[in-house]
């Protein structure tokens, strides 16, 4: 069965890059361009994994993480953000994120391998 990944990211270029990379690895991809759309998509599709940016319009990634935690969802959340402060990483972990990567520190071809660890 194909695993479904929700990408919550407001940068349309990054969404396209992530989507191409992950579809090429055999995943079914849904996209949300802001945190509100991400929450709506989570409720609708119940993804196997959420790839989450923190700095998004309308509702930020921290609020999305809080929503996932408050609902008791058990799918893994991987944060991929430009925020690199330890306080941000700690907050994400406290809200249930399984992993945290700084976008500028990660190569695109690592993404599928990272996700494979969790789904």
N, C-alpha and C. Protein backbone atom coordinates (compact mmCIF):
# COMPACT_ATOMS: atom_id res chain seq x y z
N UNK A 1 0.84 -1.19 0.00
CA UNK A 1 0.00 0.00 0.00
C UNK A 1 0.88 1.25 0.00
N UNK A 2 0.56 2.18 -0.85
CA UNK A 2 1.32 3.41 -0.97
C UNK A 2 1.12 4.29 0.26
N UNK A 3 2.20 4.79 0.81
CA UNK A 3 2.14 5.67 1.97
C UNK A 3 1.81 7.08 1.52
N UNK A 4 0.95 7.75 2.29
CA UNK A 4 0.51 9.11 1.97
C UNK A 4 1.25 10.11 2.85
N UNK A 5 1.86 11.07 2.20
CA UNK A 5 2.61 12.10 2.90
C UNK A 5 1.95 13.45 2.63
N UNK A 6 1.73 14.19 3.70
CA UNK A 6 1.23 15.56 3.60
C UNK A 6 2.42 16.49 3.76
N UNK A 7 2.61 17.38 2.79
CA UNK A 7 3.66 18.39 2.86
C UNK A 7 3.00 19.72 3.17
N UNK A 8 3.32 20.28 4.33
CA UNK A 8 2.82 21.59 4.73
C UNK A 8 3.97 22.59 4.60
N UNK A 9 3.93 23.37 3.54
CA UNK A 9 5.03 24.27 3.18
C UNK A 9 4.44 25.40 2.36
N UNK A 10 4.86 26.64 2.63
CA UNK A 10 4.30 27.78 1.89
C UNK A 10 5.17 28.21 0.71
N UNK A 11 6.35 27.67 0.56
CA UNK A 11 7.23 28.00 -0.56
C UNK A 11 6.90 27.07 -1.73
N UNK A 12 6.29 27.62 -2.78
CA UNK A 12 5.82 26.78 -3.89
C UNK A 12 6.96 26.06 -4.61
N UNK A 13 8.13 26.68 -4.69
CA UNK A 13 9.29 26.02 -5.31
C UNK A 13 9.69 24.78 -4.50
N UNK A 14 9.77 24.93 -3.18
CA UNK A 14 10.14 23.78 -2.33
C UNK A 14 9.09 22.69 -2.39
N UNK A 15 7.82 23.07 -2.41
CA UNK A 15 6.76 22.07 -2.52
C UNK A 15 6.97 21.23 -3.77
N UNK A 16 7.23 21.89 -4.90
CA UNK A 16 7.43 21.15 -6.15
C UNK A 16 8.64 20.23 -6.07
N UNK A 17 9.72 20.72 -5.48
CA UNK A 17 10.93 19.91 -5.34
C UNK A 17 10.67 18.69 -4.45
N UNK A 18 10.06 18.91 -3.30
CA UNK A 18 9.76 17.80 -2.38
C UNK A 18 8.82 16.80 -3.05
N UNK A 19 7.80 17.33 -3.72
CA UNK A 19 6.80 16.47 -4.37
C UNK A 19 7.47 15.58 -5.42
N UNK A 20 8.29 16.15 -6.28
CA UNK A 20 8.98 15.36 -7.31
C UNK A 20 9.87 14.29 -6.69
N UNK A 21 10.62 14.67 -5.69
CA UNK A 21 11.53 13.73 -5.03
C UNK A 21 10.76 12.57 -4.38
N UNK A 22 9.69 12.90 -3.69
CA UNK A 22 8.97 11.86 -2.93
C UNK A 22 8.06 11.02 -3.81
N UNK A 23 7.47 11.61 -4.83
CA UNK A 23 6.69 10.80 -5.77
C UNK A 23 7.61 9.83 -6.51
N UNK A 24 8.81 10.30 -6.82
CA UNK A 24 9.79 9.43 -7.45
C UNK A 24 10.20 8.26 -6.57
N UNK A 25 10.06 8.43 -5.27
CA UNK A 25 10.37 7.36 -4.31
C UNK A 25 9.15 6.49 -4.02
N UNK A 26 8.03 6.78 -4.69
CA UNK A 26 6.86 5.93 -4.57
C UNK A 26 5.80 6.36 -3.57
N UNK A 27 5.89 7.59 -3.04
CA UNK A 27 4.91 8.07 -2.07
C UNK A 27 3.78 8.84 -2.76
N UNK A 28 2.60 8.79 -2.16
CA UNK A 28 1.48 9.61 -2.60
C UNK A 28 1.57 10.93 -1.84
N UNK A 29 1.52 12.05 -2.54
CA UNK A 29 1.76 13.35 -1.93
C UNK A 29 0.52 14.22 -1.98
N UNK A 30 0.21 14.83 -0.83
CA UNK A 30 -0.78 15.89 -0.74
C UNK A 30 -0.04 17.13 -0.26
N UNK A 31 -0.52 18.30 -0.64
CA UNK A 31 0.16 19.53 -0.28
C UNK A 31 -0.78 20.52 0.39
N UNK A 32 -0.21 21.28 1.31
CA UNK A 32 -0.95 22.36 1.96
C UNK A 32 -0.02 23.58 2.03
N UNK A 33 -0.50 24.72 1.54
CA UNK A 33 0.33 25.90 1.44
C UNK A 33 0.34 26.79 2.67
N UNK A 34 -0.43 26.42 3.70
CA UNK A 34 -0.39 27.15 4.96
C UNK A 34 -0.87 26.22 6.08
N UNK A 35 -0.73 26.68 7.30
CA UNK A 35 -1.07 25.85 8.44
C UNK A 35 -2.55 25.50 8.55
N UNK A 36 -3.42 26.44 8.18
CA UNK A 36 -4.86 26.16 8.23
C UNK A 36 -5.21 25.05 7.24
N UNK A 37 -4.67 25.14 6.04
CA UNK A 37 -4.92 24.10 5.04
C UNK A 37 -4.33 22.76 5.49
N UNK A 38 -3.19 22.82 6.18
CA UNK A 38 -2.57 21.60 6.69
C UNK A 38 -3.48 20.91 7.70
N UNK A 39 -4.05 21.68 8.62
CA UNK A 39 -4.96 21.10 9.61
C UNK A 39 -6.18 20.50 8.93
N UNK A 40 -6.73 21.22 7.95
CA UNK A 40 -7.88 20.69 7.20
C UNK A 40 -7.52 19.38 6.50
N UNK A 41 -6.34 19.34 5.88
CA UNK A 41 -5.90 18.13 5.17
C UNK A 41 -5.65 16.97 6.13
N UNK A 42 -5.09 17.26 7.28
CA UNK A 42 -4.87 16.22 8.29
C UNK A 42 -6.20 15.57 8.67
N UNK A 43 -7.20 16.39 8.91
CA UNK A 43 -8.50 15.87 9.30
C UNK A 43 -9.14 15.05 8.18
N UNK A 44 -8.91 15.46 6.96
CA UNK A 44 -9.52 14.79 5.81
C UNK A 44 -8.81 13.50 5.42
N UNK A 45 -7.48 13.54 5.37
CA UNK A 45 -6.75 12.41 4.78
C UNK A 45 -6.06 11.49 5.76
N UNK A 46 -5.84 11.93 7.00
CA UNK A 46 -5.10 11.12 7.98
C UNK A 46 -3.81 10.58 7.34
N UNK A 47 -2.82 11.43 7.13
CA UNK A 47 -1.60 11.02 6.42
C UNK A 47 -0.79 9.98 7.21
N UNK A 48 0.08 9.30 6.49
CA UNK A 48 1.02 8.38 7.14
C UNK A 48 2.20 9.13 7.72
N UNK A 49 2.45 10.34 7.21
CA UNK A 49 3.54 11.19 7.70
C UNK A 49 3.26 12.62 7.30
N UNK A 50 3.64 13.55 8.16
CA UNK A 50 3.51 14.98 7.88
C UNK A 50 4.90 15.59 7.81
N UNK A 51 5.21 16.23 6.69
CA UNK A 51 6.44 17.00 6.53
C UNK A 51 6.03 18.46 6.72
N UNK A 52 6.56 19.11 7.76
CA UNK A 52 6.00 20.37 8.23
C UNK A 52 7.03 21.49 8.30
N UNK A 53 6.69 22.61 7.67
CA UNK A 53 7.44 23.86 7.82
C UNK A 53 6.86 24.57 9.05
N UNK A 54 7.66 25.38 9.70
CA UNK A 54 7.18 26.11 10.88
C UNK A 54 6.66 27.50 10.55
N UNK A 55 7.32 28.18 9.63
CA UNK A 55 6.96 29.57 9.31
C UNK A 55 6.03 29.59 8.11
N UNK A 56 4.73 29.55 8.41
CA UNK A 56 3.70 29.55 7.37
C UNK A 56 2.64 30.59 7.69
N UNK A 57 1.93 31.07 6.68
CA UNK A 57 0.86 32.04 6.92
C UNK A 57 -0.36 31.39 7.57
N UNK A 58 -1.21 32.24 8.12
CA UNK A 58 -2.48 31.90 8.76
C UNK A 58 -2.31 31.15 10.07
N UNK A 59 -1.73 29.96 10.02
CA UNK A 59 -1.47 29.16 11.22
C UNK A 59 -0.05 28.64 11.09
N UNK A 60 0.78 28.85 12.09
CA UNK A 60 2.18 28.40 11.96
C UNK A 60 2.33 26.91 12.28
N UNK A 61 3.51 26.39 12.02
CA UNK A 61 3.78 24.98 12.22
C UNK A 61 3.68 24.53 13.66
N UNK A 62 4.00 25.41 14.60
CA UNK A 62 3.87 25.06 16.01
C UNK A 62 2.40 24.77 16.35
N UNK A 63 1.48 25.58 15.81
CA UNK A 63 0.05 25.36 16.05
C UNK A 63 -0.42 24.07 15.38
N UNK A 64 0.14 23.76 14.22
CA UNK A 64 -0.21 22.49 13.56
C UNK A 64 0.26 21.32 14.42
N UNK A 65 1.49 21.40 14.93
CA UNK A 65 1.99 20.35 15.83
C UNK A 65 1.10 20.21 17.06
N UNK A 66 0.70 21.33 17.62
CA UNK A 66 -0.16 21.31 18.79
C UNK A 66 -1.50 20.63 18.46
N UNK A 67 -2.03 20.90 17.28
CA UNK A 67 -3.29 20.28 16.84
C UNK A 67 -3.12 18.76 16.75
N UNK A 68 -2.04 18.33 16.12
CA UNK A 68 -1.77 16.89 15.96
C UNK A 68 -1.67 16.23 17.33
N UNK A 69 -0.95 16.87 18.23
CA UNK A 69 -0.77 16.31 19.58
C UNK A 69 -2.09 16.28 20.35
N UNK A 70 -2.86 17.38 20.27
CA UNK A 70 -4.11 17.45 21.03
C UNK A 70 -5.15 16.44 20.54
N UNK A 71 -5.09 16.09 19.27
CA UNK A 71 -6.02 15.11 18.71
C UNK A 71 -5.55 13.67 18.96
N UNK A 72 -4.31 13.52 19.41
CA UNK A 72 -3.80 12.18 19.69
C UNK A 72 -3.38 11.39 18.47
N UNK A 73 -3.14 12.09 17.36
CA UNK A 73 -2.71 11.40 16.15
C UNK A 73 -1.31 10.81 16.36
N UNK A 74 -1.08 9.66 15.78
CA UNK A 74 0.20 8.97 16.01
C UNK A 74 1.11 8.95 14.78
N UNK A 75 0.68 9.54 13.67
CA UNK A 75 1.58 9.57 12.50
C UNK A 75 2.78 10.46 12.81
N UNK A 76 3.95 10.10 12.27
CA UNK A 76 5.14 10.90 12.54
C UNK A 76 5.10 12.25 11.84
N UNK A 77 5.67 13.24 12.53
CA UNK A 77 5.81 14.59 11.96
C UNK A 77 7.30 14.89 11.90
N UNK A 78 7.75 15.25 10.70
CA UNK A 78 9.13 15.68 10.50
C UNK A 78 9.10 17.17 10.17
N UNK A 79 9.81 17.94 10.97
CA UNK A 79 9.87 19.38 10.76
C UNK A 79 11.06 19.70 9.87
N UNK A 80 10.79 20.51 8.87
CA UNK A 80 11.82 20.97 7.94
C UNK A 80 11.67 22.48 7.88
N UNK A 81 12.58 23.21 8.54
CA UNK A 81 12.38 24.64 8.74
C UNK A 81 13.67 25.43 8.55
N UNK A 82 13.51 26.73 8.40
CA UNK A 82 14.66 27.62 8.39
C UNK A 82 15.05 28.02 9.81
N UNK A 83 14.19 27.76 10.77
CA UNK A 83 14.53 28.06 12.16
C UNK A 83 15.56 27.05 12.64
N UNK A 84 16.60 27.55 13.30
CA UNK A 84 17.67 26.64 13.70
C UNK A 84 18.04 26.76 15.18
N UNK A 85 17.30 27.53 15.93
CA UNK A 85 17.57 27.70 17.35
C UNK A 85 17.19 26.43 18.11
N UNK A 86 17.97 26.10 19.12
CA UNK A 86 17.67 24.93 19.94
C UNK A 86 16.30 25.03 20.60
N UNK A 87 15.90 26.25 20.97
CA UNK A 87 14.60 26.44 21.61
C UNK A 87 13.47 26.01 20.67
N UNK A 88 13.62 26.27 19.37
CA UNK A 88 12.61 25.87 18.39
C UNK A 88 12.59 24.34 18.25
N UNK A 89 13.77 23.75 18.18
CA UNK A 89 13.86 22.29 18.09
C UNK A 89 13.25 21.63 19.32
N UNK A 90 13.56 22.17 20.50
CA UNK A 90 13.02 21.62 21.75
C UNK A 90 11.50 21.74 21.80
N UNK A 91 10.98 22.86 21.35
CA UNK A 91 9.53 23.07 21.35
C UNK A 91 8.85 22.07 20.41
N UNK A 92 9.46 21.84 19.25
CA UNK A 92 8.90 20.87 18.31
C UNK A 92 8.90 19.46 18.90
N UNK A 93 9.99 19.09 19.53
CA UNK A 93 10.08 17.76 20.16
C UNK A 93 9.02 17.64 21.26
N UNK A 94 8.85 18.70 22.05
CA UNK A 94 7.85 18.67 23.12
C UNK A 94 6.43 18.53 22.56
N UNK A 95 6.22 19.04 21.36
CA UNK A 95 4.91 18.94 20.72
C UNK A 95 4.75 17.66 19.92
N UNK A 96 5.76 16.79 19.95
CA UNK A 96 5.62 15.47 19.34
C UNK A 96 6.33 15.25 18.02
N UNK A 97 7.08 16.22 17.52
CA UNK A 97 7.80 16.01 16.26
C UNK A 97 8.82 14.88 16.43
N UNK A 98 8.90 14.02 15.44
CA UNK A 98 9.84 12.89 15.50
C UNK A 98 11.25 13.29 15.10
N UNK A 99 11.35 14.30 14.23
CA UNK A 99 12.66 14.74 13.78
C UNK A 99 12.58 16.19 13.36
N UNK A 100 13.73 16.84 13.28
CA UNK A 100 13.81 18.27 12.95
C UNK A 100 15.04 18.48 12.09
N UNK A 101 14.85 19.11 10.94
CA UNK A 101 15.96 19.41 10.04
C UNK A 101 15.91 20.87 9.63
N UNK A 102 17.07 21.49 9.56
CA UNK A 102 17.18 22.84 9.03
C UNK A 102 17.31 22.70 7.52
N UNK A 103 16.45 23.41 6.79
CA UNK A 103 16.39 23.26 5.33
C UNK A 103 17.76 23.43 4.68
N UNK A 104 18.51 24.43 5.10
CA UNK A 104 19.79 24.72 4.46
C UNK A 104 20.85 23.65 4.75
N UNK A 105 20.62 22.81 5.76
CA UNK A 105 21.58 21.77 6.11
C UNK A 105 21.27 20.42 5.47
N UNK A 106 20.16 20.33 4.75
CA UNK A 106 19.74 19.05 4.21
C UNK A 106 19.77 19.05 2.69
N UNK A 107 20.30 17.99 2.13
CA UNK A 107 20.27 17.80 0.68
C UNK A 107 18.94 17.17 0.30
N UNK A 108 18.37 17.58 -0.83
CA UNK A 108 17.08 17.08 -1.27
C UNK A 108 17.08 15.56 -1.41
N UNK A 109 18.18 14.99 -1.89
CA UNK A 109 18.19 13.54 -2.11
C UNK A 109 18.22 12.74 -0.81
N UNK A 110 18.36 13.40 0.34
CA UNK A 110 18.29 12.73 1.64
C UNK A 110 16.85 12.57 2.12
N UNK A 111 15.94 13.34 1.54
CA UNK A 111 14.58 13.41 2.05
C UNK A 111 13.87 12.05 2.06
N UNK A 112 13.93 11.32 0.96
CA UNK A 112 13.25 10.03 0.89
C UNK A 112 13.82 9.05 1.90
N UNK A 113 15.13 9.08 2.10
CA UNK A 113 15.75 8.18 3.08
C UNK A 113 15.32 8.52 4.50
N UNK A 114 15.21 9.80 4.79
CA UNK A 114 14.77 10.25 6.11
C UNK A 114 13.33 9.77 6.35
N UNK A 115 12.47 9.96 5.36
CA UNK A 115 11.07 9.58 5.50
C UNK A 115 10.93 8.06 5.63
N UNK A 116 11.75 7.32 4.90
CA UNK A 116 11.69 5.86 4.95
C UNK A 116 11.89 5.33 6.37
N UNK A 117 12.65 6.06 7.19
CA UNK A 117 12.86 5.64 8.58
C UNK A 117 11.59 5.66 9.39
N UNK A 118 10.61 6.46 8.97
CA UNK A 118 9.41 6.69 9.78
C UNK A 118 8.12 6.08 9.25
N UNK A 119 8.09 5.67 7.99
CA UNK A 119 6.86 5.08 7.45
C UNK A 119 7.11 3.66 6.98
